Amino acid sequence: MKNRKNELRHQALARRSRLREAERRSASEALIAGAVGLFPETETISAFWPVGSEIDPRPLMTTLEKQGNRLALPAIIGKGIIIFRRFDMGNPLVDMACGTKGPPADADTVDPTTILLPLAAFDARGNRIGYGGGYYDRVIGQMRIRGLKLRLIGLAFDCQQVKNIPVKLHDVSMESILTESGFRVFCW
């Protein structure tokens, strides 16, 4: 199963990397239109700072902040461990592991109500392949054990969809995904 996931991850990331910069920028802007009405103003939404050829959630984050949402970003605090820290657009970020950026240690720790998930690949059932570290699977599992209700929405390019992702018990599925072609809810 691990080899199949690695193969699907590699294929989807290769397709994503072939997108031209203008296509990436246009798709990132299209997230805003697809998100209209999805997020009540009272929500705390965790997004992510883009790495490499990932879809860029920053235009959407700016829009959400302007409509009154509180933002958060993941912060890697140890091997395989992330927490979510409060973030306002324009605040400074610090370098984290895995080439990511996140809020500094003095930023407030928060529990988001919605998590916008980065991913390498997804399928039509809401399964996702991340980057292989299991960070989100672990933190979401821990949050659910604490009784938190979370909305899990993937952010990706349409070209990252694959036919079928093999899943294990610990793999966290998404309820929906937002791509440049709009918002889709998965039926289980």
C-alpha atoms as a PDB file:
ATOM      1  CA  MET A   1       0.000   0.000   0.000  1.00  0.00           C
ATOM      2  CA  LYS A   2       2.826   2.397   0.857  1.00  0.00           C
ATOM      3  CA  ASN A   3       4.390   1.947  -2.577  1.00  0.00           C
ATOM      4  CA  ARG A   4       1.035   2.642  -4.261  1.00  0.00           C
ATOM      5  CA  LYS A   5       0.564   5.823  -2.223  1.00  0.00           C
ATOM      6  CA  ASN A   6       4.088   6.963  -3.079  1.00  0.00           C
ATOM      7  CA  GLU A   7       3.420   6.297  -6.765  1.00  0.00           C
ATOM      8  CA  LEU A   8       0.135   8.262  -6.688  1.00  0.00           C
ATOM      9  CA  ARG A   9       1.818  11.094  -4.744  1.00  0.00           C
ATOM     10  CA  HIS A  10       4.645  11.282  -7.279  1.00  0.00           C
ATOM     11  CA  GLN A  11       2.270  11.298 -10.270  1.00  0.00           C
ATOM     12  CA  ALA A  12      -0.036  13.970  -8.824  1.00  0.00           C
ATOM     13  CA  LEU A  13       2.867  16.187  -7.764  1.00  0.00           C
ATOM     14  CA  ALA A  14       4.419  15.867 -11.217  1.00  0.00           C
ATOM     15  CA  ARG A  15       1.156  17.044 -12.815  1.00  0.00           C
ATOM     16  CA  ARG A  16       0.932  19.906 -10.317  1.00  0.00           C
ATOM     17  CA  SER A  17       4.530  20.955 -10.995  1.00  0.00           C
ATOM     18  CA  ARG A  18       3.831  21.159 -14.730  1.00  0.00           C
ATOM     19  CA  LEU A  19       1.246  23.911 -14.201  1.00  0.00           C
ATOM     20  CA  ARG A  20       2.470  27.282 -15.396  1.00  0.00           C
ATOM     21  CA  GLU A  21       2.764  30.098 -12.866  1.00  0.00           C
ATOM     22  CA  ALA A  22      -0.149  31.965 -14.466  1.00  0.00           C
ATOM     23  CA  GLU A  23      -2.350  28.840 -14.136  1.00  0.00           C
ATOM     24  CA  ARG A  24      -1.391  28.487 -10.464  1.00  0.00           C
ATOM     25  CA  ARG A  25      -2.146  32.149  -9.773  1.00  0.00           C
ATOM     26  CA  SER A  26      -5.500  31.998 -11.573  1.00  0.00           C
ATOM     27  CA  ALA A  27      -6.497  28.812  -9.738  1.00  0.00           C
ATOM     28  CA  SER A  28      -5.535  30.339  -6.388  1.00  0.00           C
ATOM     29  CA  GLU A  29      -7.706  33.388  -7.079  1.00  0.00           C
ATOM     30  CA  ALA A  30     -10.580  31.087  -8.140  1.00  0.00           C
ATOM     31  CA  LEU A  31     -10.679  29.620  -4.621  1.00  0.00           C
ATOM     32  CA  ILE A  32     -12.262  32.884  -3.451  1.00  0.00           C
ATOM     33  CA  ALA A  33     -15.303  32.479  -5.723  1.00  0.00           C
ATOM     34  CA  GLY A  34     -15.664  28.808  -4.751  1.00  0.00           C
ATOM     35  CA  ALA A  35     -15.645  29.681  -1.047  1.00  0.00           C
ATOM     36  CA  VAL A  36     -18.467  32.247  -1.101  1.00  0.00           C
ATOM     37  CA  GLY A  37     -20.816  31.487   1.785  1.00  0.00           C
ATOM     38  CA  LEU A  38     -18.809  28.539   3.134  1.00  0.00           C
ATOM     39  CA  PHE A  39     -17.374  30.189   6.231  1.00  0.00           C
ATOM     40  CA  PRO A  40     -19.421  31.975   8.901  1.00  0.00           C
ATOM     41  CA  GLU A  41     -17.664  35.054  10.257  1.00  0.00           C
ATOM     42  CA  THR A  42     -17.285  33.467  13.685  1.00  0.00           C
ATOM     43  CA  GLU A  43     -15.087  30.640  12.484  1.00  0.00           C
ATOM     44  CA  THR A  44     -11.408  30.146  13.179  1.00  0.00           C
ATOM     45  CA  ILE A  45      -9.920  28.738   9.995  1.00  0.00           C
ATOM     46  CA  SER A  46      -6.527  27.150   9.728  1.00  0.00           C
ATOM     47  CA  ALA A  47      -4.932  27.390   6.316  1.00  0.00           C
ATOM     48  CA  PHE A  48      -1.301  26.821   5.319  1.00  0.00           C
ATOM     49  CA  TRP A  49       1.527  28.861   3.854  1.00  0.00           C
ATOM     50  CA  PRO A  50       2.222  27.447   0.364  1.00  0.00           C
ATOM     51  CA  VAL A  51       5.393  25.510  -0.364  1.00  0.00           C
ATOM     52  CA  GLY A  52       6.708  24.934  -3.871  1.00  0.00           C
ATOM     53  CA  SER A  53       3.963  24.372  -6.419  1.00  0.00           C
ATOM     54  CA  GLU A  54       1.080  24.075  -3.910  1.00  0.00           C
ATOM     55  CA  ILE A  55      -2.103  25.979  -4.551  1.00  0.00           C
ATOM     56  CA  ASP A  56      -1.765  29.340  -2.811  1.00  0.00           C
ATOM     57  CA  PRO A  57      -4.413  29.900  -0.118  1.00  0.00           C
ATOM     58  CA  ARG A  58      -3.228  33.449   0.661  1.00  0.00           C
ATOM     59  CA  PRO A  59      -5.784  35.248  -1.575  1.00  0.00           C
ATOM     60  CA  LEU A  60      -8.545  33.227   0.117  1.00  0.00           C
ATOM     61  CA  MET A  61      -7.041  33.904   3.564  1.00  0.00           C
ATOM     62  CA  THR A  62      -7.036  37.644   2.865  1.00  0.00           C
ATOM     63  CA  THR A  63     -10.710  37.497   1.867  1.00  0.00           C
ATOM     64  CA  LEU A  64     -11.639  35.441   4.933  1.00  0.00           C
ATOM     65  CA  GLU A  65      -9.823  37.839   7.246  1.00  0.00           C
ATOM     66  CA  LYS A  66     -11.608  40.823   5.667  1.00  0.00           C
ATOM     67  CA  GLN A  67     -14.979  39.137   6.232  1.00  0.00           C
ATOM     68  CA  GLY A  68     -14.152  38.743   9.934  1.00  0.00           C
ATOM     69  CA  ASN A  69     -12.810  35.214  10.245  1.00  0.00           C
ATOM     70  CA  ARG A  70      -9.924  34.464  12.576  1.00  0.00           C
ATOM     71  CA  LEU A  71      -7.002  32.750  10.864  1.00  0.00           C
ATOM     72  CA  ALA A  72      -4.515  30.186  12.062  1.00  0.00           C
ATOM     73  CA  LEU A  73      -1.537  28.408  10.562  1.00  0.00           C
ATOM     74  CA  PRO A  74       0.089  25.118  11.545  1.00  0.00           C
ATOM     75  CA  ALA A  75       3.362  25.288  13.434  1.00  0.00           C
ATOM     76  CA  ILE A  76       5.711  22.321  13.535  1.00  0.00           C
ATOM     77  CA  ILE A  77       6.908  22.026  17.125  1.00  0.00           C
ATOM     78  CA  GLY A  78       8.571  18.622  17.047  1.00  0.00           C
ATOM     79  CA  LYS A  79       9.127  15.518  14.975  1.00  0.00           C
ATOM     80  CA  GLY A  80       5.717  14.739  13.496  1.00  0.00           C
ATOM     81  CA  ILE A  81       3.936  17.266  15.734  1.00  0.00           C
ATOM     82  CA  ILE A  82       1.984  20.346  14.699  1.00  0.00           C
ATOM     83  CA  ILE A  83      -0.195  22.762  16.604  1.00  0.00           C
ATOM     84  CA  PHE A  84      -2.230  25.655  15.285  1.00  0.00           C
ATOM     85  CA  ARG A  85      -1.267  29.235  16.056  1.00  0.00           C
ATOM     86  CA  ARG A  86      -3.262  32.428  15.542  1.00  0.00           C
ATOM     87  CA  PHE A  87      -2.206  34.397  12.473  1.00  0.00           C
ATOM     88  CA  ASP A  88      -3.128  37.742  10.934  1.00  0.00           C
ATOM     89  CA  MET A  89      -2.197  38.450   7.315  1.00  0.00           C
ATOM     90  CA  GLY A  90       0.919  40.598   7.327  1.00  0.00           C
ATOM     91  CA  ASN A  91       2.285  39.157  10.582  1.00  0.00           C
ATOM     92  CA  PRO A  92       5.835  37.828  10.432  1.00  0.00           C
ATOM     93  CA  LEU A  93       6.413  34.107   9.971  1.00  0.00           C
ATOM     94  CA  VAL A  94       9.345  31.938  10.956  1.00  0.00           C
ATOM     95  CA  ASP A  95      10.952  29.026   9.159  1.00  0.00           C
ATOM     96  CA  MET A  96       9.706  25.619  10.280  1.00  0.00           C
ATOM     97  CA  ALA A  97      10.693  22.057   9.401  1.00  0.00           C
ATOM     98  CA  CYS A  98       9.889  20.563   5.999  1.00  0.00           C
ATOM     99  CA  GLY A  99      10.429  23.917   4.254  1.00  0.00           C
ATOM    100  CA  THR A 100       7.286  25.421   5.770  1.00  0.00           C
ATOM    101  CA  LYS A 101       6.672  28.731   7.504  1.00  0.00           C
ATOM    102  CA  GLY A 102       4.463  29.346  10.512  1.00  0.00           C
ATOM    103  CA  PRO A 103       3.692  31.823  13.275  1.00  0.00           C
ATOM    104  CA  PRO A 104       6.401  32.328  15.897  1.00  0.00           C
ATOM    105  CA  ALA A 105       6.296  30.685  19.347  1.00  0.00           C
ATOM    106  CA  ASP A 106       4.754  33.768  20.983  1.00  0.00           C
ATOM    107  CA  ALA A 107       1.595  33.529  18.814  1.00  0.00           C
ATOM    108  CA  ASP A 108      -1.503  32.203  20.627  1.00  0.00           C
ATOM    109  CA  THR A 109      -2.295  28.504  20.224  1.00  0.00           C
ATOM    110  CA  VAL A 110      -5.848  27.971  18.921  1.00  0.00           C
ATOM    111  CA  ASP A 111      -8.244  25.183  17.996  1.00  0.00           C
ATOM    112  CA  PRO A 112      -9.586  25.910  14.514  1.00  0.00           C
ATOM    113  CA  THR A 113     -13.148  24.982  13.628  1.00  0.00           C
ATOM    114  CA  THR A 114     -12.185  24.422   9.988  1.00  0.00           C
ATOM    115  CA  ILE A 115      -8.883  23.110   8.670  1.00  0.00           C
ATOM    116  CA  LEU A 116      -7.944  23.818   5.059  1.00  0.00           C
ATOM    117  CA  LEU A 117      -5.699  20.875   4.247  1.00  0.00           C
ATOM    118  CA  PRO A 118      -2.707  20.871   1.932  1.00  0.00           C
ATOM    119  CA  LEU A 119      -2.303  17.676  -0.050  1.00  0.00           C
ATOM    120  CA  ALA A 120      -0.433  15.877  -2.782  1.00  0.00           C
ATOM    121  CA  ALA A 121      -3.405  13.902  -4.170  1.00  0.00           C
ATOM    122  CA  PHE A 122      -7.100  13.262  -3.538  1.00  0.00           C
ATOM    123  CA  ASP A 123      -9.807  10.970  -4.838  1.00  0.00           C
ATOM    124  CA  ALA A 124     -13.565  11.266  -5.394  1.00  0.00           C
ATOM    125  CA  ARG A 125     -14.323   9.738  -1.958  1.00  0.00           C
ATOM    126  CA  GLY A 126     -12.469  12.393   0.043  1.00  0.00           C
ATOM    127  CA  ASN A 127      -9.315  10.429   0.695  1.00  0.00           C
ATOM    128  CA  ARG A 128      -6.087  12.393   0.569  1.00  0.00           C
ATOM    129  CA  ILE A 129      -2.415  11.733   0.308  1.00  0.00           C
ATOM    130  CA  GLY A 130      -0.290  14.254   2.131  1.00  0.00           C
ATOM    131  CA  TYR A 131       3.454  14.516   1.988  1.00  0.00           C
ATOM    132  CA  GLY A 132       4.171  11.410   4.037  1.00  0.00           C
ATOM    133  CA  GLY A 133       4.737  12.788   7.532  1.00  0.00           C
ATOM    134  CA  GLY A 134       1.276  12.112   8.987  1.00  0.00           C
ATOM    135  CA  TYR A 135       1.219  15.511  10.750  1.00  0.00           C
ATOM    136  CA  TYR A 136      -2.417  16.296   9.959  1.00  0.00           C
ATOM    137  CA  ASP A 137      -3.661  12.743  10.587  1.00  0.00           C
ATOM    138  CA  ARG A 138      -2.147  12.844  14.088  1.00  0.00           C
ATOM    139  CA  VAL A 139      -3.273  16.330  15.108  1.00  0.00           C
ATOM    140  CA  ILE A 140      -6.815  15.813  13.770  1.00  0.00           C
ATOM    141  CA  GLY A 141      -7.039  12.475  15.578  1.00  0.00           C
ATOM    142  CA  GLN A 142      -5.934  14.135  18.827  1.00  0.00           C
ATOM    143  CA  MET A 143      -8.400  17.000  18.382  1.00  0.00           C
ATOM    144  CA  ARG A 144     -11.255  14.556  17.811  1.00  0.00           C
ATOM    145  CA  ILE A 145     -10.287  12.620  20.953  1.00  0.00           C
ATOM    146  CA  ARG A 146     -10.657  15.937  22.818  1.00  0.00           C
ATOM    147  CA  GLY A 147     -14.209  16.155  21.432  1.00  0.00           C
ATOM    148  CA  LEU A 148     -13.626  18.933  18.921  1.00  0.00           C
ATOM    149  CA  LYS A 149     -15.854  19.060  15.852  1.00  0.00           C
ATOM    150  CA  LEU A 150     -13.841  19.961  12.769  1.00  0.00           C
ATOM    151  CA  ARG A 151     -14.603  20.697   9.138  1.00  0.00           C
ATOM    152  CA  LEU A 152     -11.858  19.301   6.924  1.00  0.00           C
ATOM    153  CA  ILE A 153     -11.624  20.916   3.507  1.00  0.00           C
ATOM    154  CA  GLY A 154      -8.825  20.095   1.102  1.00  0.00           C
ATOM    155  CA  LEU A 155      -7.288  22.790  -1.098  1.00  0.00           C
ATOM    156  CA  ALA A 156      -5.773  21.601  -4.345  1.00  0.00           C
ATOM    157  CA  PHE A 157      -5.635  21.886  -8.108  1.00  0.00           C
ATOM    158  CA  ASP A 158      -8.030  19.711 -10.119  1.00  0.00           C
ATOM    159  CA  CYS A 159      -5.018  17.951 -11.685  1.00  0.00           C
ATOM    160  CA  GLN A 160      -4.186  16.407  -8.293  1.00  0.00           C
ATOM    161  CA  GLN A 161      -7.222  14.124  -8.362  1.00  0.00           C
ATOM    162  CA  VAL A 162      -6.459  10.425  -8.745  1.00  0.00           C
ATOM    163  CA  LYS A 163      -8.797   7.497  -9.260  1.00  0.00           C
ATOM    164  CA  ASN A 164      -8.488   5.636  -5.973  1.00  0.00           C
ATOM    165  CA  ILE A 165      -6.349   6.107  -2.864  1.00  0.00           C
ATOM    166  CA  PRO A 166      -5.714   3.112  -0.620  1.00  0.00           C
ATOM    167  CA  VAL A 167      -6.428   4.032   3.000  1.00  0.00           C
ATOM    168  CA  LYS A 168      -5.430   2.786   6.431  1.00  0.00           C
ATOM    169  CA  LEU A 169      -7.369   3.133   9.671  1.00  0.00           C
ATOM    170  CA  HIS A 170      -5.414   6.216  10.812  1.00  0.00           C
ATOM    171  CA  ASP A 171      -5.860   8.096   7.505  1.00  0.00           C
ATOM    172  CA  VAL A 172      -8.157  11.106   7.907  1.00  0.00           C
ATOM    173  CA  SER A 173     -10.657  11.710   5.102  1.00  0.00           C
ATOM    174  CA  MET A 174     -11.830  15.142   3.987  1.00  0.00           C
ATOM    175  CA  GLU A 175     -15.470  16.158   3.954  1.00  0.00           C
ATOM    176  CA  SER A 176     -14.991  18.369   0.925  1.00  0.00           C
ATOM    177  CA  ILE A 177     -12.469  19.957  -1.384  1.00  0.00           C
ATOM    178  CA  LEU A 178     -12.036  23.375  -2.920  1.00  0.00           C
ATOM    179  CA  THR A 179     -10.255  23.555  -6.279  1.00  0.00           C
ATOM    180  CA  GLU A 180     -10.179  26.053  -9.110  1.00  0.00           C
ATOM    181  CA  SER A 181     -13.378  24.517 -10.486  1.00  0.00           C
ATOM    182  CA  GLY A 182     -15.295  25.016  -7.227  1.00  0.00           C
ATOM    183  CA  PHE A 183     -16.392  23.380  -4.007  1.00  0.00           C
ATOM    184  CA  ARG A 184     -17.256  19.670  -3.872  1.00  0.00           C
ATOM    185  CA  VAL A 185     -18.678  17.684  -0.961  1.00  0.00           C
ATOM    186  CA  PHE A 186     -17.738  14.029  -0.719  1.00  0.00           C
ATOM    187  CA  CYS A 187     -20.357  11.371  -0.085  1.00  0.00           C
ATOM    188  CA  TRP A 188     -19.218   8.428   1.984  1.00  0.00           C
END
